[in-house]
Amino acid sequence: MSDALLLGGIEAGGTKFLCAIADRDGRTLAETRIATTTPAETLGAASAFFRAGQQAHGPLSALSIGSFGPLSLNPLAPDHGSITSTPKPHWGDVDLLGHFRQSIEAPMVLDTDVNCAAVGERLFGSGQGLDSFCYVTVGTGIGVGVLIGGAPHGGANHPEAGHIKVPRAAGDEGFAGICPFHGDCLEGLACGPAMQARWGVPAEQLPADHAAWAIAADYIAQLCATLTYVVRPDRIIVGGGVMQPQMYPRVRRALVAKLAGYDASMRTIDMDAYVAAPTAGASAGLTGALALAYRTVTRQWPMHWRMAESLHAPKETLDA
């Protein structure tokens, strides 16, 4: 394997795209941040960044994209590589892989932003040493990434656990929910915009003793109970803007109540360790995308990477 291995990574979010080029050891050679506006503007700026990066450092060995969704990840699907029925204006049916294949001749991989963040957590955060865990983000939406056997789980396509139907939390019977597809699915009831729609202010502005937190914790605990029964992960890592510090003990207590003593192995779970906060930092998704690019070329995970070298000491920033 050549020492000149160059990896491209994109964390494609609803508000920003983070793009980076790294070497085989995970050291960042160039990075940029691009506002998520229209597909033409945002993807055009990302392509310009990688064109400049290849002129400066040489051709990419692989490019990996961790994106908001829903995504079409089935290689046999006619729209493979695209964002599909997203509620984000203008981004439905956008062919991400097709766009970058026009300017980059390298193997490419597309996965969800939460799966990439889960990979970042396995390398540097709360998933270290674990082969099977779930990564949950509760923010603008609710997404769930699943690692099984140390690799992201996909199947026919990616999980959409944020859109499961959940029983109403006590005191929340009158809120209609905001999901444009399902109304009162989990995301429609417990994401950040749902919290603001229900209470009139962003979640982070609510007092720690506000009734909102007990309601939100009930919904997130329902998700954790479902993941526990279906996946039986070693850990559930829960992050995102709604997961303020006071949420973790509330979610743990509510989860214990919902499991209701069922199954001796569940009764012995250490909830403080089982429901954990992410610790890999804000760049976990981009780190995970670069790690997926590394795996695409080498068929191995870059377990030799060091956090201090990966995405924390960029050598240059290229204008997009």
C-alpha atoms as a PDB file:
ATOM      1  CA  MET A   1       0.000   0.000   0.000  1.00  0.00           C
ATOM      2  CA  SER A   2       1.416   3.356  -1.028  1.00  0.00           C
ATOM      3  CA  ASP A   3       2.472   5.922   1.541  1.00  0.00           C
ATOM      4  CA  ALA A   4       0.819   8.459  -0.784  1.00  0.00           C
ATOM      5  CA  LEU A   5      -2.647   7.232   0.218  1.00  0.00           C
ATOM      6  CA  LEU A   6      -4.935  10.289   0.185  1.00  0.00           C
ATOM      7  CA  LEU A   7      -8.412  10.179   1.677  1.00  0.00           C
ATOM      8  CA  GLY A   8     -11.319  12.503   1.035  1.00  0.00           C
ATOM      9  CA  GLY A   9     -14.139  12.845   3.521  1.00  0.00           C
ATOM     10  CA  ILE A  10     -17.378  14.819   3.705  1.00  0.00           C
ATOM     11  CA  GLU A  11     -19.750  15.233   6.605  1.00  0.00           C
ATOM     12  CA  ALA A  12     -22.856  16.509   4.829  1.00  0.00           C
ATOM     13  CA  GLY A  13     -25.199  18.126   7.323  1.00  0.00           C
ATOM     14  CA  GLY A  14     -28.367  20.132   7.095  1.00  0.00           C
ATOM     15  CA  THR A  15     -26.579  23.368   8.004  1.00  0.00           C
ATOM     16  CA  LYS A  16     -23.003  22.766   6.831  1.00  0.00           C
ATOM     17  CA  PHE A  17     -20.744  20.487   4.815  1.00  0.00           C
ATOM     18  CA  LEU A  18     -17.366  19.685   6.392  1.00  0.00           C
ATOM     19  CA  CYS A  19     -14.821  18.520   3.838  1.00  0.00           C
ATOM     20  CA  ALA A  20     -11.289  17.270   4.431  1.00  0.00           C
ATOM     21  CA  ILE A  21      -8.335  15.571   2.810  1.00  0.00           C
ATOM     22  CA  ALA A  22      -6.175  13.384   5.052  1.00  0.00           C
ATOM     23  CA  ASP A  23      -3.188  11.086   4.696  1.00  0.00           C
ATOM     24  CA  ARG A  24      -3.015   7.393   5.556  1.00  0.00           C
ATOM     25  CA  ASP A  25      -2.395   8.203   9.232  1.00  0.00           C
ATOM     26  CA  GLY A  26      -5.470  10.401   9.535  1.00  0.00           C
ATOM     27  CA  ARG A  27      -3.541  13.664   9.540  1.00  0.00           C
ATOM     28  CA  THR A  28      -5.531  16.451   7.922  1.00  0.00           C
ATOM     29  CA  LEU A  29      -3.860  18.080   4.937  1.00  0.00           C
ATOM     30  CA  ALA A  30      -6.704  20.454   4.074  1.00  0.00           C
ATOM     31  CA  GLU A  31     -10.229  21.127   5.277  1.00  0.00           C
ATOM     32  CA  THR A  32     -13.087  23.545   4.751  1.00  0.00           C
ATOM     33  CA  ARG A  33     -16.582  24.309   5.981  1.00  0.00           C
ATOM     34  CA  ILE A  34     -19.349  25.101   3.489  1.00  0.00           C
ATOM     35  CA  ALA A  35     -22.825  26.364   4.351  1.00  0.00           C
ATOM     36  CA  THR A  36     -25.623  24.054   3.211  1.00  0.00           C
ATOM     37  CA  THR A  37     -27.668  26.239   0.892  1.00  0.00           C
ATOM     38  CA  THR A  38     -28.812  24.940  -2.490  1.00  0.00           C
ATOM     39  CA  PRO A  39     -27.397  21.724  -3.947  1.00  0.00           C
ATOM     40  CA  ALA A  40     -25.783  23.612  -6.818  1.00  0.00           C
ATOM     41  CA  GLU A  41     -23.982  26.057  -4.519  1.00  0.00           C
ATOM     42  CA  THR A  42     -23.007  23.608  -1.793  1.00  0.00           C
ATOM     43  CA  LEU A  43     -21.940  20.691  -3.967  1.00  0.00           C
ATOM     44  CA  GLY A  44     -20.200  23.060  -6.369  1.00  0.00           C
ATOM     45  CA  ALA A  45     -18.131  24.510  -3.529  1.00  0.00           C
ATOM     46  CA  ALA A  46     -17.304  21.023  -2.242  1.00  0.00           C
ATOM     47  CA  SER A  47     -16.149  19.920  -5.701  1.00  0.00           C
ATOM     48  CA  ALA A  48     -13.988  23.040  -5.997  1.00  0.00           C
ATOM     49  CA  PHE A  49     -12.359  22.211  -2.648  1.00  0.00           C
ATOM     50  CA  PHE A  50     -11.447  18.700  -3.766  1.00  0.00           C
ATOM     51  CA  ARG A  51     -10.206  19.901  -7.153  1.00  0.00           C
ATOM     52  CA  ALA A  52      -7.885  22.351  -5.387  1.00  0.00           C
ATOM     53  CA  GLY A  53      -6.847  19.663  -2.926  1.00  0.00           C
ATOM     54  CA  GLN A  54      -5.932  17.225  -5.683  1.00  0.00           C
ATOM     55  CA  GLN A  55      -3.908  19.884  -7.450  1.00  0.00           C
ATOM     56  CA  ALA A  56      -2.000  20.511  -4.224  1.00  0.00           C
ATOM     57  CA  HIS A  57      -1.597  16.951  -2.945  1.00  0.00           C
ATOM     58  CA  GLY A  58      -2.333  14.514  -5.753  1.00  0.00           C
ATOM     59  CA  PRO A  59      -5.296  12.307  -6.669  1.00  0.00           C
ATOM     60  CA  LEU A  60      -7.585  10.942  -3.996  1.00  0.00           C
ATOM     61  CA  SER A  61      -7.412   7.236  -3.245  1.00  0.00           C
ATOM     62  CA  ALA A  62     -11.043   7.206  -2.052  1.00  0.00           C
ATOM     63  CA  LEU A  63     -13.833   9.600  -1.131  1.00  0.00           C
ATOM     64  CA  SER A  64     -16.393   8.906   1.583  1.00  0.00           C
ATOM     65  CA  ILE A  65     -19.540  10.899   2.322  1.00  0.00           C
ATOM     66  CA  GLY A  66     -21.546  10.763   5.535  1.00  0.00           C
ATOM     67  CA  SER A  67     -24.806  12.551   4.809  1.00  0.00           C
ATOM     68  CA  PHE A  68     -28.148  13.506   6.218  1.00  0.00           C
ATOM     69  CA  GLY A  69     -30.927  11.506   4.656  1.00  0.00           C
ATOM     70  CA  PRO A  70     -32.903   9.559   3.887  1.00  0.00           C
ATOM     71  CA  LEU A  71     -30.388   8.035   1.499  1.00  0.00           C
ATOM     72  CA  SER A  72     -30.532   5.343  -1.155  1.00  0.00           C
ATOM     73  CA  LEU A  73     -27.715   2.977  -0.188  1.00  0.00           C
ATOM     74  CA  ASN A  74     -28.755  -0.177  -2.027  1.00  0.00           C
ATOM     75  CA  PRO A  75     -26.318  -0.548  -4.947  1.00  0.00           C
ATOM     76  CA  LEU A  76     -29.059  -2.203  -7.011  1.00  0.00           C
ATOM     77  CA  ALA A  77     -31.486   0.698  -6.613  1.00  0.00           C
ATOM     78  CA  PRO A  78     -31.865   3.003  -9.635  1.00  0.00           C
ATOM     79  CA  ASP A  79     -31.352   6.043  -7.393  1.00  0.00           C
ATOM     80  CA  HIS A  80     -28.361   4.586  -5.514  1.00  0.00           C
ATOM     81  CA  GLY A  81     -26.179   7.312  -4.060  1.00  0.00           C
ATOM     82  CA  SER A  82     -28.969   9.883  -3.750  1.00  0.00           C
ATOM     83  CA  ILE A  83     -30.701  11.759  -0.980  1.00  0.00           C
ATOM     84  CA  THR A  84     -34.334  10.711  -1.329  1.00  0.00           C
ATOM     85  CA  SER A  85     -37.470  12.064   0.391  1.00  0.00           C
ATOM     86  CA  THR A  86     -35.837  14.522   2.760  1.00  0.00           C
ATOM     87  CA  PRO A  87     -37.944  17.348   4.219  1.00  0.00           C
ATOM     88  CA  LYS A  88     -35.003  19.710   3.617  1.00  0.00           C
ATOM     89  CA  PRO A  89     -36.064  22.070   0.814  1.00  0.00           C
ATOM     90  CA  HIS A  90     -34.414  21.545  -2.592  1.00  0.00           C
ATOM     91  CA  TRP A  91     -32.422  18.476  -1.512  1.00  0.00           C
ATOM     92  CA  GLY A  92     -34.842  15.691  -2.387  1.00  0.00           C
ATOM     93  CA  ASP A  93     -33.584  13.329  -5.126  1.00  0.00           C
ATOM     94  CA  VAL A  94     -30.121  14.911  -5.214  1.00  0.00           C
ATOM     95  CA  ASP A  95     -27.540  12.438  -6.566  1.00  0.00           C
ATOM     96  CA  LEU A  96     -24.553  12.921  -4.252  1.00  0.00           C
ATOM     97  CA  LEU A  97     -22.340  10.171  -5.633  1.00  0.00           C
ATOM     98  CA  GLY A  98     -23.209  11.081  -9.214  1.00  0.00           C
ATOM     99  CA  HIS A  99     -22.168  14.681  -8.632  1.00  0.00           C
ATOM    100  CA  PHE A 100     -18.726  13.856  -7.239  1.00  0.00           C
ATOM    101  CA  ARG A 101     -18.061  11.148  -9.807  1.00  0.00           C
ATOM    102  CA  GLN A 102     -18.059  13.901 -12.425  1.00  0.00           C
ATOM    103  CA  SER A 103     -14.876  15.414 -10.987  1.00  0.00           C
ATOM    104  CA  ILE A 104     -13.173  12.696  -8.899  1.00  0.00           C
ATOM    105  CA  GLU A 105     -11.890   9.390 -10.283  1.00  0.00           C
ATOM    106  CA  ALA A 106     -11.679   7.299  -7.129  1.00  0.00           C
ATOM    107  CA  PRO A 107     -13.680   4.670  -5.264  1.00  0.00           C
ATOM    108  CA  MET A 108     -16.543   6.289  -3.354  1.00  0.00           C
ATOM    109  CA  VAL A 109     -18.723   5.256  -0.462  1.00  0.00           C
ATOM    110  CA  LEU A 110     -21.859   6.884   0.915  1.00  0.00           C
ATOM    111  CA  ASP A 111     -23.314   6.272   4.368  1.00  0.00           C
ATOM    112  CA  THR A 112     -25.442   8.105   6.884  1.00  0.00           C
ATOM    113  CA  ASP A 113     -24.062  10.899   9.019  1.00  0.00           C
ATOM    114  CA  VAL A 114     -24.952   8.920  12.156  1.00  0.00           C
ATOM    115  CA  ASN A 115     -23.141   5.792  10.968  1.00  0.00           C
ATOM    116  CA  CYS A 116     -20.053   7.898  10.263  1.00  0.00           C
ATOM    117  CA  ALA A 117     -20.305   9.512  13.691  1.00  0.00           C
ATOM    118  CA  ALA A 118     -20.575   6.022  15.182  1.00  0.00           C
ATOM    119  CA  VAL A 119     -17.337   5.053  13.427  1.00  0.00           C
ATOM    120  CA  GLY A 120     -15.693   8.189  14.852  1.00  0.00           C
ATOM    121  CA  GLU A 121     -16.914   7.236  18.324  1.00  0.00           C
ATOM    122  CA  ARG A 122     -15.497   3.741  17.914  1.00  0.00           C
ATOM    123  CA  LEU A 123     -12.089   5.148  16.991  1.00  0.00           C
ATOM    124  CA  PHE A 124     -11.837   7.985  19.516  1.00  0.00           C
ATOM    125  CA  GLY A 125     -14.893   8.173  21.754  1.00  0.00           C
ATOM    126  CA  SER A 126     -17.461   6.310  23.788  1.00  0.00           C
ATOM    127  CA  GLY A 127     -17.515   3.325  21.431  1.00  0.00           C
ATOM    128  CA  GLN A 128     -13.857   2.395  21.852  1.00  0.00           C
ATOM    129  CA  GLY A 129     -13.381  -1.315  22.424  1.00  0.00           C
ATOM    130  CA  LEU A 130     -16.987  -2.149  21.514  1.00  0.00           C
ATOM    131  CA  ASP A 131     -18.068  -4.229  18.537  1.00  0.00           C
ATOM    132  CA  SER A 132     -21.791  -3.519  18.746  1.00  0.00           C
ATOM    133  CA  PHE A 133     -23.365  -0.245  19.780  1.00  0.00           C
ATOM    134  CA  CYS A 134     -25.902   2.323  18.672  1.00  0.00           C
ATOM    135  CA  TYR A 135     -25.264   6.002  18.080  1.00  0.00           C
ATOM    136  CA  VAL A 136     -28.279   8.282  18.463  1.00  0.00           C
ATOM    137  CA  THR A 137     -28.433  11.980  17.655  1.00  0.00           C
ATOM    138  CA  VAL A 138     -31.333  14.087  18.896  1.00  0.00           C
ATOM    139  CA  GLY A 139     -31.120  17.475  17.248  1.00  0.00           C
ATOM    140  CA  THR A 140     -32.704  18.941  14.122  1.00  0.00           C
ATOM    141  CA  GLY A 141     -33.886  15.388  13.506  1.00  0.00           C
ATOM    142  CA  ILE A 142     -33.424  12.050  15.226  1.00  0.00           C
ATOM    143  CA  GLY A 143     -31.052   9.592  13.615  1.00  0.00           C
ATOM    144  CA  VAL A 144     -29.685   6.227  14.676  1.00  0.00           C
ATOM    145  CA  GLY A 145     -26.474   4.613  13.530  1.00  0.00           C
ATOM    146  CA  VAL A 146     -25.823   0.955  14.310  1.00  0.00           C
ATOM    147  CA  LEU A 147     -22.440  -0.770  14.432  1.00  0.00           C
ATOM    148  CA  ILE A 148     -22.536  -4.567  14.489  1.00  0.00           C
ATOM    149  CA  GLY A 149     -19.327  -6.557  14.485  1.00  0.00           C
ATOM    150  CA  GLY A 150     -17.414  -3.310  14.403  1.00  0.00           C
ATOM    151  CA  ALA A 151     -18.910  -2.120  11.096  1.00  0.00           C
ATOM    152  CA  PRO A 152     -21.905   0.046  10.172  1.00  0.00           C
ATOM    153  CA  HIS A 153     -25.101  -1.900   9.635  1.00  0.00           C
ATOM    154  CA  GLY A 154     -27.020  -1.255   6.460  1.00  0.00           C
ATOM    155  CA  GLY A 155     -29.029  -4.175   5.139  1.00  0.00           C
ATOM    156  CA  ALA A 156     -31.313  -3.298   2.222  1.00  0.00           C
ATOM    157  CA  ASN A 157     -30.908   0.341   3.267  1.00  0.00           C
ATOM    158  CA  HIS A 158     -30.113   2.279   6.433  1.00  0.00           C
ATOM    159  CA  PRO A 159     -32.192   2.265   9.646  1.00  0.00           C
ATOM    160  CA  GLU A 160     -34.733   5.048  10.156  1.00  0.00           C
ATOM    161  CA  ALA A 161     -35.435   4.573  13.847  1.00  0.00           C
ATOM    162  CA  GLY A 162     -36.230   8.247  14.269  1.00  0.00           C
ATOM    163  CA  HIS A 163     -39.557   7.618  12.561  1.00  0.00           C
ATOM    164  CA  ILE A 164     -40.918   4.820  14.723  1.00  0.00           C
ATOM    165  CA  LYS A 165     -44.312   5.418  16.318  1.00  0.00           C
ATOM    166  CA  VAL A 166     -44.172   5.791  20.085  1.00  0.00           C
ATOM    167  CA  PRO A 167     -46.861   5.955  22.795  1.00  0.00           C
ATOM    168  CA  ARG A 168     -47.520   9.473  24.042  1.00  0.00           C
ATOM    169  CA  ALA A 169     -45.607  10.586  27.119  1.00  0.00           C
ATOM    170  CA  ALA A 170     -47.703  11.662  30.070  1.00  0.00           C
ATOM    171  CA  GLY A 171     -48.690  15.311  29.662  1.00  0.00           C
ATOM    172  CA  ASP A 172     -48.018  15.384  25.927  1.00  0.00           C
ATOM    173  CA  GLU A 173     -51.335  14.155  24.590  1.00  0.00           C
ATOM    174  CA  GLY A 174     -52.281  17.417  22.854  1.00  0.00           C
ATOM    175  CA  PHE A 175     -49.174  18.088  20.738  1.00  0.00           C
ATOM    176  CA  ALA A 176     -49.721  17.168  17.084  1.00  0.00           C
ATOM    177  CA  GLY A 177     -46.063  16.559  16.176  1.00  0.00           C
ATOM    178  CA  ILE A 178     -44.128  18.190  13.335  1.00  0.00           C
ATOM    179  CA  CYS A 179     -42.930  15.389  11.045  1.00  0.00           C
ATOM    180  CA  PRO A 180     -44.197  16.236   7.536  1.00  0.00           C
ATOM    181  CA  PHE A 181     -44.594  12.527   6.798  1.00  0.00           C
ATOM    182  CA  HIS A 182     -45.842  10.974  10.041  1.00  0.00           C
ATOM    183  CA  GLY A 183     -46.844  13.830  12.322  1.00  0.00           C
ATOM    184  CA  ASP A 184     -46.263  12.347  15.757  1.00  0.00           C
ATOM    185  CA  CYS A 185     -43.502   9.818  15.120  1.00  0.00           C
ATOM    186  CA  LEU A 186     -40.513   9.917  17.488  1.00  0.00           C
ATOM    187  CA  GLU A 187     -38.769  12.646  15.493  1.00  0.00           C
ATOM    188  CA  GLY A 188     -42.000  14.612  15.173  1.00  0.00           C
ATOM    189  CA  LEU A 189     -42.350  14.621  18.959  1.00  0.00           C
ATOM    190  CA  ALA A 190     -38.822  14.842  20.355  1.00  0.00           C
ATOM    191  CA  CYS A 191     -36.407  16.528  17.934  1.00  0.00           C
ATOM    192  CA  GLY A 192     -35.183  20.072  18.528  1.00  0.00           C
ATOM    193  CA  PRO A 193     -37.723  21.770  16.226  1.00  0.00           C
ATOM    194  CA  ALA A 194     -40.509  19.760  17.903  1.00  0.00           C
ATOM    195  CA  MET A 195     -39.360  20.997  21.297  1.00  0.00           C
ATOM    196  CA  GLN A 196     -39.439  24.591  20.037  1.00  0.00           C
ATOM    197  CA  ALA A 197     -42.838  24.151  18.387  1.00  0.00           C
ATOM    198  CA  ARG A 198     -44.281  22.734  21.604  1.00  0.00           C
ATOM    199  CA  TRP A 199     -42.724  25.173  24.090  1.00  0.00           C
ATOM    200  CA  GLY A 200     -42.079  28.305  22.031  1.00  0.00           C
ATOM    201  CA  VAL A 201     -38.322  28.510  22.635  1.00  0.00           C
ATOM    202  CA  PRO A 202     -35.307  26.408  21.622  1.00  0.00           C
ATOM    203  CA  ALA A 203     -34.706  23.427  23.906  1.00  0.00           C
ATOM    204  CA  GLU A 204     -31.421  24.770  25.239  1.00  0.00           C
ATOM    205  CA  GLN A 205     -33.223  27.851  26.591  1.00  0.00           C
ATOM    206  CA  LEU A 206     -35.610  25.841  28.762  1.00  0.00           C
ATOM    207  CA  PRO A 207     -34.829  25.648  32.503  1.00  0.00           C
ATOM    208  CA  ALA A 208     -33.386  22.354  33.695  1.00  0.00           C
ATOM    209  CA  ASP A 209     -36.481  21.671  35.804  1.00  0.00           C
ATOM    210  CA  HIS A 210     -38.969  22.394  33.009  1.00  0.00           C
ATOM    211  CA  ALA A 211     -41.615  19.734  32.285  1.00  0.00           C
ATOM    212  CA  ALA A 212     -40.253  19.507  28.741  1.00  0.00           C
ATOM    213  CA  TRP A 213     -37.299  17.418  29.835  1.00  0.00           C
ATOM    214  CA  ALA A 214     -39.366  14.640  31.429  1.00  0.00           C
ATOM    215  CA  ILE A 215     -41.435  14.373  28.237  1.00  0.00           C
ATOM    216  CA  ALA A 216     -38.386  14.339  25.960  1.00  0.00           C
ATOM    217  CA  ALA A 217     -36.621  11.807  28.204  1.00  0.00           C
ATOM    218  CA  ASP A 218     -39.643   9.513  28.028  1.00  0.00           C
ATOM    219  CA  TYR A 219     -39.510   9.495  24.235  1.00  0.00           C
ATOM    220  CA  ILE A 220     -35.748   8.942  24.048  1.00  0.00           C
ATOM    221  CA  ALA A 221     -36.033   6.155  26.631  1.00  0.00           C
ATOM    222  CA  GLN A 222     -38.668   4.520  24.434  1.00  0.00           C
ATOM    223  CA  LEU A 223     -36.189   4.574  21.569  1.00  0.00           C
ATOM    224  CA  CYS A 224     -33.455   3.137  23.820  1.00  0.00           C
ATOM    225  CA  ALA A 225     -35.792   0.365  24.977  1.00  0.00           C
ATOM    226  CA  THR A 226     -36.613  -0.523  21.377  1.00  0.00           C
ATOM    227  CA  LEU A 227     -32.922  -0.580  20.424  1.00  0.00           C
ATOM    228  CA  THR A 228     -32.190  -2.713  23.487  1.00  0.00           C
ATOM    229  CA  TYR A 229     -34.816  -5.286  22.571  1.00  0.00           C
ATOM    230  CA  VAL A 230     -34.052  -5.337  18.827  1.00  0.00           C
ATOM    231  CA  VAL A 231     -30.273  -4.875  18.651  1.00  0.00           C
ATOM    232  CA  ARG A 232     -29.094  -5.634  22.229  1.00  0.00           C
ATOM    233  CA  PRO A 233     -26.076  -3.359  21.806  1.00  0.00           C
ATOM    234  CA  ASP A 234     -23.186  -3.087  24.222  1.00  0.00           C
ATOM    235  CA  ARG A 235     -23.931   0.637  24.588  1.00  0.00           C
ATOM    236  CA  ILE A 236     -26.221   3.370  23.337  1.00  0.00           C
ATOM    237  CA  ILE A 237     -24.411   6.659  22.733  1.00  0.00           C
ATOM    238  CA  VAL A 238     -26.840   9.577  22.669  1.00  0.00           C
ATOM    239  CA  GLY A 239     -25.865  13.070  21.545  1.00  0.00           C
ATOM    240  CA  GLY A 240     -27.298  16.122  19.811  1.00  0.00           C
ATOM    241  CA  GLY A 241     -28.515  19.508  20.934  1.00  0.00           C
ATOM    242  CA  VAL A 242     -31.562  18.202  22.807  1.00  0.00           C
ATOM    243  CA  MET A 243     -29.373  16.001  25.006  1.00  0.00           C
ATOM    244  CA  GLN A 244     -28.572  18.622  27.599  1.00  0.00           C
ATOM    245  CA  PRO A 245     -26.763  17.328  30.743  1.00  0.00           C
ATOM    246  CA  GLN A 246     -29.985  16.934  32.731  1.00  0.00           C
ATOM    247  CA  MET A 247     -31.365  14.554  30.100  1.00  0.00           C
ATOM    248  CA  TYR A 248     -29.000  11.653  30.744  1.00  0.00           C
ATOM    249  CA  PRO A 249     -30.140  10.706  34.269  1.00  0.00           C
ATOM    250  CA  ARG A 250     -33.748  11.212  33.211  1.00  0.00           C
ATOM    251  CA  VAL A 251     -33.357   8.918  30.195  1.00  0.00           C
ATOM    252  CA  ARG A 252     -31.608   6.258  32.279  1.00  0.00           C
ATOM    253  CA  ARG A 253     -34.328   6.248  34.941  1.00  0.00           C
ATOM    254  CA  ALA A 254     -37.072   6.153  32.334  1.00  0.00           C
ATOM    255  CA  LEU A 255     -35.336   3.311  30.482  1.00  0.00           C
ATOM    256  CA  VAL A 256     -35.113   1.205  33.647  1.00  0.00           C
ATOM    257  CA  ALA A 257     -38.860   1.719  34.171  1.00  0.00           C
ATOM    258  CA  LYS A 258     -39.659   0.774  30.561  1.00  0.00           C
ATOM    259  CA  LEU A 259     -37.558  -2.396  30.616  1.00  0.00           C
ATOM    260  CA  ALA A 260     -39.567  -3.288  33.733  1.00  0.00           C
ATOM    261  CA  GLY A 261     -37.193  -5.937  35.012  1.00  0.00           C
ATOM    262  CA  TYR A 262     -37.577  -8.128  31.933  1.00  0.00           C
ATOM    263  CA  ASP A 263     -34.708 -10.570  31.204  1.00  0.00           C
ATOM    264  CA  ALA A 264     -32.027 -11.124  33.813  1.00  0.00           C
ATOM    265  CA  SER A 265     -29.289  -9.848  31.472  1.00  0.00           C
ATOM    266  CA  MET A 266     -31.098  -6.515  31.169  1.00  0.00           C
ATOM    267  CA  ARG A 267     -31.579  -6.224  34.907  1.00  0.00           C
ATOM    268  CA  THR A 268     -27.797  -6.226  35.343  1.00  0.00           C
ATOM    269  CA  ILE A 269     -27.117  -3.399  32.887  1.00  0.00           C
ATOM    270  CA  ASP A 270     -25.081  -0.540  34.348  1.00  0.00           C
ATOM    271  CA  MET A 271     -27.184   2.327  33.025  1.00  0.00           C
ATOM    272  CA  ASP A 272     -24.500   4.949  33.652  1.00  0.00           C
ATOM    273  CA  ALA A 273     -22.272   3.134  31.156  1.00  0.00           C
ATOM    274  CA  TYR A 274     -25.032   1.853  28.888  1.00  0.00           C
ATOM    275  CA  VAL A 275     -26.597   5.228  28.015  1.00  0.00           C
ATOM    276  CA  ALA A 276     -23.539   7.387  27.386  1.00  0.00           C
ATOM    277  CA  ALA A 277     -22.718  10.783  25.956  1.00  0.00           C
ATOM    278  CA  PRO A 278     -20.501  10.999  22.854  1.00  0.00           C
ATOM    279  CA  THR A 279     -16.883  11.909  23.588  1.00  0.00           C
ATOM    280  CA  ALA A 280     -15.145  11.911  20.170  1.00  0.00           C
ATOM    281  CA  GLY A 281     -15.798  15.608  19.641  1.00  0.00           C
ATOM    282  CA  ALA A 282     -17.587  17.650  17.021  1.00  0.00           C
ATOM    283  CA  SER A 283     -15.504  16.160  14.196  1.00  0.00           C
ATOM    284  CA  ALA A 284     -16.584  12.544  14.867  1.00  0.00           C
ATOM    285  CA  GLY A 285     -18.702  12.368  11.708  1.00  0.00           C
ATOM    286  CA  LEU A 286     -15.938  13.668   9.466  1.00  0.00           C
ATOM    287  CA  THR A 287     -13.398  11.404  11.151  1.00  0.00           C
ATOM    288  CA  GLY A 288     -15.724   8.481  10.535  1.00  0.00           C
ATOM    289  CA  ALA A 289     -16.138   9.418   6.878  1.00  0.00           C
ATOM    290  CA  LEU A 290     -12.363   9.499   6.411  1.00  0.00           C
ATOM    291  CA  ALA A 291     -12.089   6.145   8.194  1.00  0.00           C
ATOM    292  CA  LEU A 292     -14.646   4.679   5.791  1.00  0.00           C
ATOM    293  CA  ALA A 293     -12.547   5.979   2.891  1.00  0.00           C
ATOM    294  CA  TYR A 294      -9.497   4.294   4.427  1.00  0.00           C
ATOM    295  CA  ARG A 295     -11.423   1.030   4.770  1.00  0.00           C
ATOM    296  CA  THR A 296     -12.607   1.265   1.169  1.00  0.00           C
ATOM    297  CA  VAL A 297      -8.991   1.194  -0.009  1.00  0.00           C
ATOM    298  CA  THR A 298      -7.359  -1.116   2.567  1.00  0.00           C
ATOM    299  CA  ARG A 299     -10.306  -3.305   3.733  1.00  0.00           C
ATOM    300  CA  GLN A 300      -9.217  -2.487   7.284  1.00  0.00           C
ATOM    301  CA  TRP A 301     -10.166   0.066   9.908  1.00  0.00           C
ATOM    302  CA  PRO A 302      -7.450   2.641  10.734  1.00  0.00           C
ATOM    303  CA  MET A 303      -7.031   1.581  14.338  1.00  0.00           C
ATOM    304  CA  HIS A 304      -3.559   3.152  14.330  1.00  0.00           C
ATOM    305  CA  TRP A 305      -4.988   6.666  13.994  1.00  0.00           C
ATOM    306  CA  ARG A 306      -4.468   9.014  16.914  1.00  0.00           C
ATOM    307  CA  MET A 307      -7.011  11.644  17.866  1.00  0.00           C
ATOM    308  CA  ALA A 308      -4.396  14.396  18.175  1.00  0.00           C
ATOM    309  CA  GLU A 309      -3.441  13.845  14.543  1.00  0.00           C
ATOM    310  CA  SER A 310      -6.880  13.358  13.023  1.00  0.00           C
ATOM    311  CA  LEU A 311      -8.786  16.538  12.197  1.00  0.00           C
ATOM    312  CA  HIS A 312      -7.269  18.564  15.008  1.00  0.00           C
ATOM    313  CA  ALA A 313      -4.119  20.008  13.467  1.00  0.00           C
ATOM    314  CA  PRO A 314      -4.873  20.961   9.853  1.00  0.00           C
ATOM    315  CA  LYS A 315      -1.895  22.052   7.831  1.00  0.00           C
ATOM    316  CA  GLU A 316      -3.835  24.319   5.493  1.00  0.00           C
ATOM    317  CA  THR A 317      -7.315  25.425   4.553  1.00  0.00           C
ATOM    318  CA  LEU A 318      -8.068  25.529   0.840  1.00  0.00           C
ATOM    319  CA  ASP A 319     -10.574  28.041  -0.430  1.00  0.00           C
ATOM    320  CA  ALA A 320     -13.647  26.384  -1.880  1.00  0.00           C
END
